[in-house]
Amino acid sequence: MKIFLVGMPGCGKSTVGKVLAQRLNYTFLDLDTLIEEQEGMTVPQVFEQRGQDYFRQAEAKALRLAASRSENVVLATGGGAPCFCENMPFMLTHGLTVYLKVSPQDLVSRLTELDLQARPLLRNKTTAELLQYLTETLHQREQFYKEAPCTVAAGRGAVEEIAQEIEQCLGAS
């Protein structure tokens, strides 16, 4: 079984994913980490040195490799992953895709300065610019996120509760 977590940067895909994987005794994988291992450089370096198009191809390759693993996996994807390279249809046919839904306002309050510097598309923005960017980006991406058969409101509540909601989606699928 593969569980793909999708949603905006800062919605909790990695945090919830680790807890969910532990609860289910699955392997937790982070797509950005897999890309960094595959490319031999950080995600910001891939963006800066090779560009977004190259990054999206590398992301699609890492996603497909993760899905081909034999063990049960919880995979935290990048915020844009579902929107490129036919990744969302791929995830929908290769496991359970879960949308962790968080409002742009909550995302702004969650993202630390370290988070912002680590994410090339969020770097060097004021709070107002960040809110505008996240609102516009969510508007563009949500059509993909909403294809997930399971949506969990991840803006409030404990990580354990969110993981438990996802487990209920597993039982229903």
Protein backbone atom coordinates (compact mmCIF):
# COMPACT_ATOMS: atom_id res chain seq x y z
CA MET A 1 0.00 0.00 0.00
CA LYS A 2 1.17 3.51 -0.86
CA ILE A 3 -0.26 6.63 0.78
CA PHE A 4 0.53 9.91 -0.99
CA LEU A 5 0.11 13.11 1.03
CA VAL A 6 -0.55 16.22 -1.06
CA GLY A 7 -1.12 19.86 -0.17
CA MET A 8 0.52 23.23 0.08
CA PRO A 9 3.99 23.83 1.56
CA GLY A 10 3.65 23.96 5.33
CA CYS A 11 0.39 21.98 5.54
CA GLY A 12 2.08 19.21 7.54
CA LYS A 13 2.75 16.50 4.96
CA SER A 14 6.11 15.53 6.50
CA THR A 15 5.04 15.93 10.13
CA VAL A 16 1.76 14.02 9.70
CA GLY A 17 3.41 11.53 7.35
CA LYS A 18 6.00 10.48 9.93
CA VAL A 19 3.34 9.95 12.61
CA LEU A 20 1.03 8.10 10.21
CA ALA A 21 3.85 5.84 9.00
CA GLN A 22 4.78 5.01 12.59
CA ARG A 23 1.15 4.25 13.50
CA LEU A 24 0.75 1.95 10.47
CA ASN A 25 4.27 0.49 10.65
CA TYR A 26 4.93 1.81 7.10
CA THR A 27 8.11 3.37 5.72
CA PHE A 28 8.01 7.18 5.64
CA LEU A 29 9.52 8.89 2.59
CA ASP A 30 9.82 12.57 1.74
CA LEU A 31 9.81 13.30 -1.99
CA ASP A 32 12.17 16.29 -1.63
CA THR A 33 14.70 14.09 0.21
CA LEU A 34 14.43 11.44 -2.52
CA ILE A 35 15.03 14.11 -5.19
CA GLU A 36 18.08 15.39 -3.29
CA GLU A 37 19.51 11.86 -3.07
CA GLN A 38 18.75 11.21 -6.74
CA GLU A 39 20.24 14.54 -7.96
CA GLY A 40 23.13 14.86 -5.49
CA MET A 41 22.13 18.42 -4.58
CA THR A 42 19.50 20.24 -2.54
CA VAL A 43 16.10 21.15 -3.97
CA PRO A 44 17.02 24.88 -4.01
CA GLN A 45 20.23 24.00 -5.90
CA VAL A 46 18.30 21.94 -8.47
CA PHE A 47 15.94 24.91 -9.00
CA GLU A 48 18.80 27.42 -9.24
CA GLN A 49 21.18 25.36 -11.38
CA ARG A 50 18.80 23.38 -13.58
CA GLY A 51 15.48 25.26 -13.47
CA GLN A 52 11.92 24.38 -12.53
CA ASP A 53 11.21 22.24 -15.62
CA TYR A 54 14.18 19.98 -14.85
CA PHE A 55 13.13 19.84 -11.20
CA ARG A 56 9.59 18.74 -12.13
CA GLN A 57 10.98 15.92 -14.30
CA ALA A 58 13.30 14.80 -11.46
CA GLU A 59 10.34 14.98 -9.06
CA ALA A 60 8.21 12.77 -11.34
CA LYS A 61 11.03 10.23 -11.62
CA ALA A 62 11.52 10.13 -7.81
CA LEU A 63 7.76 9.75 -7.28
CA ARG A 64 7.58 6.77 -9.61
CA LEU A 65 10.62 5.14 -8.00
CA ALA A 66 9.10 5.59 -4.53
CA ALA A 67 5.81 4.06 -5.69
CA SER A 68 7.64 1.05 -7.12
CA ARG A 69 9.15 0.10 -3.76
CA SER A 70 7.98 -3.21 -2.38
CA GLU A 71 7.23 -2.05 1.17
CA ASN A 72 4.22 -0.08 2.40
CA VAL A 73 5.00 3.63 2.14
CA VAL A 74 3.68 6.99 3.33
CA LEU A 75 5.08 9.59 0.93
CA ALA A 76 5.06 13.33 1.63
CA THR A 77 5.05 14.98 -1.80
CA GLY A 78 6.11 18.50 -2.69
CA GLY A 79 3.37 21.12 -2.87
CA GLY A 80 3.52 21.32 -6.67
CA ALA A 81 4.06 17.63 -7.36
CA PRO A 82 0.40 16.77 -8.14
CA CYS A 83 0.20 19.57 -10.73
CA PHE A 84 2.93 18.43 -13.13
CA CYS A 85 3.98 15.46 -15.27
CA GLU A 86 0.70 13.56 -14.82
CA ASN A 87 1.71 12.93 -11.18
CA MET A 88 -1.81 13.19 -9.74
CA PRO A 89 -3.32 10.55 -12.05
CA PHE A 90 -0.28 8.38 -11.28
CA MET A 91 -0.80 8.71 -7.51
CA LEU A 92 -4.54 8.09 -7.82
CA THR A 93 -3.91 4.76 -9.54
CA HIS A 94 -1.00 3.63 -7.33
CA GLY A 95 -2.32 4.14 -3.81
CA LEU A 96 -4.43 6.34 -1.56
CA THR A 97 -3.95 10.06 -2.16
CA VAL A 98 -4.79 12.35 0.77
CA TYR A 99 -5.17 16.13 0.56
CA LEU A 100 -4.10 17.92 3.75
CA LYS A 101 -6.14 21.09 3.51
CA VAL A 102 -4.93 24.26 5.26
CA SER A 103 -5.94 27.88 4.60
CA PRO A 104 -3.35 30.33 3.24
CA GLN A 105 -3.62 32.35 6.48
CA ASP A 106 -2.77 29.28 8.57
CA LEU A 107 0.10 28.43 6.21
CA VAL A 108 1.65 31.89 6.68
CA SER A 109 1.58 31.47 10.46
CA ARG A 110 3.10 27.96 10.23
CA LEU A 111 6.01 28.70 7.88
CA THR A 112 9.17 29.65 9.75
CA GLU A 113 12.02 31.72 8.31
CA LEU A 114 14.00 28.47 7.88
CA ASP A 115 11.08 26.93 5.94
CA LEU A 116 10.92 29.95 3.67
CA GLN A 117 14.64 29.89 2.89
CA ALA A 118 14.51 26.14 2.14
CA ARG A 119 11.65 26.56 -0.36
CA PRO A 120 12.78 28.33 -3.55
CA LEU A 121 9.29 29.51 -4.53
CA LEU A 122 8.66 31.11 -1.10
CA ARG A 123 12.02 32.74 -0.50
CA ASN A 124 12.45 36.49 0.15
CA LYS A 125 8.77 37.39 0.39
CA THR A 126 7.19 39.77 2.93
CA THR A 127 4.28 38.42 4.97
CA ALA A 128 1.78 40.17 2.67
CA GLU A 129 3.54 38.88 -0.46
CA LEU A 130 3.66 35.38 1.05
CA LEU A 131 -0.08 35.42 1.81
CA GLN A 132 -0.84 36.64 -1.73
CA TYR A 133 1.46 34.03 -3.29
CA LEU A 134 0.00 31.18 -1.19
CA THR A 135 -3.58 32.28 -1.93
CA GLU A 136 -2.94 32.45 -5.68
CA THR A 137 -0.94 29.22 -5.73
CA LEU A 138 -3.59 27.33 -3.75
CA HIS A 139 -6.22 28.62 -6.19
CA GLN A 140 -4.18 27.13 -9.08
CA ARG A 141 -3.28 23.86 -7.36
CA GLU A 142 -6.48 23.01 -5.54
CA GLN A 143 -8.11 21.60 -8.69
CA PHE A 144 -5.45 18.87 -8.53
CA TYR A 145 -5.53 18.44 -4.74
CA LYS A 146 -9.31 18.01 -4.77
CA GLU A 147 -8.96 14.92 -6.97
CA ALA A 148 -7.70 13.08 -3.89
CA PRO A 149 -10.39 10.71 -2.58
CA CYS A 150 -9.57 11.73 1.00
CA THR A 151 -9.41 15.35 2.22
CA VAL A 152 -8.42 16.08 5.81
CA ALA A 153 -8.63 19.54 7.38
CA ALA A 154 -5.09 19.83 8.71
CA GLY A 155 -5.13 23.46 9.84
CA ARG A 156 -6.26 22.71 13.36
CA GLY A 157 -5.94 19.74 15.66
CA ALA A 158 -3.14 17.53 16.86
CA VAL A 159 -0.94 15.61 14.45
CA GLU A 160 -2.16 12.33 15.98
CA GLU A 161 -5.79 13.29 15.26
CA ILE A 162 -4.98 14.12 11.63
CA ALA A 163 -3.13 10.79 11.25
CA GLN A 164 -6.15 9.01 12.75
CA GLU A 165 -8.47 10.70 10.21
CA ILE A 166 -6.26 9.44 7.39
CA GLU A 167 -6.41 5.92 8.85
CA GLN A 168 -10.21 6.16 8.67
CA CYS A 169 -9.88 7.03 4.97
CA LEU A 170 -7.79 3.86 4.57
CA GLY A 171 -10.58 1.80 6.08
CA ALA A 172 -13.10 3.35 3.70
CA SER A 173 -11.01 2.82 0.54
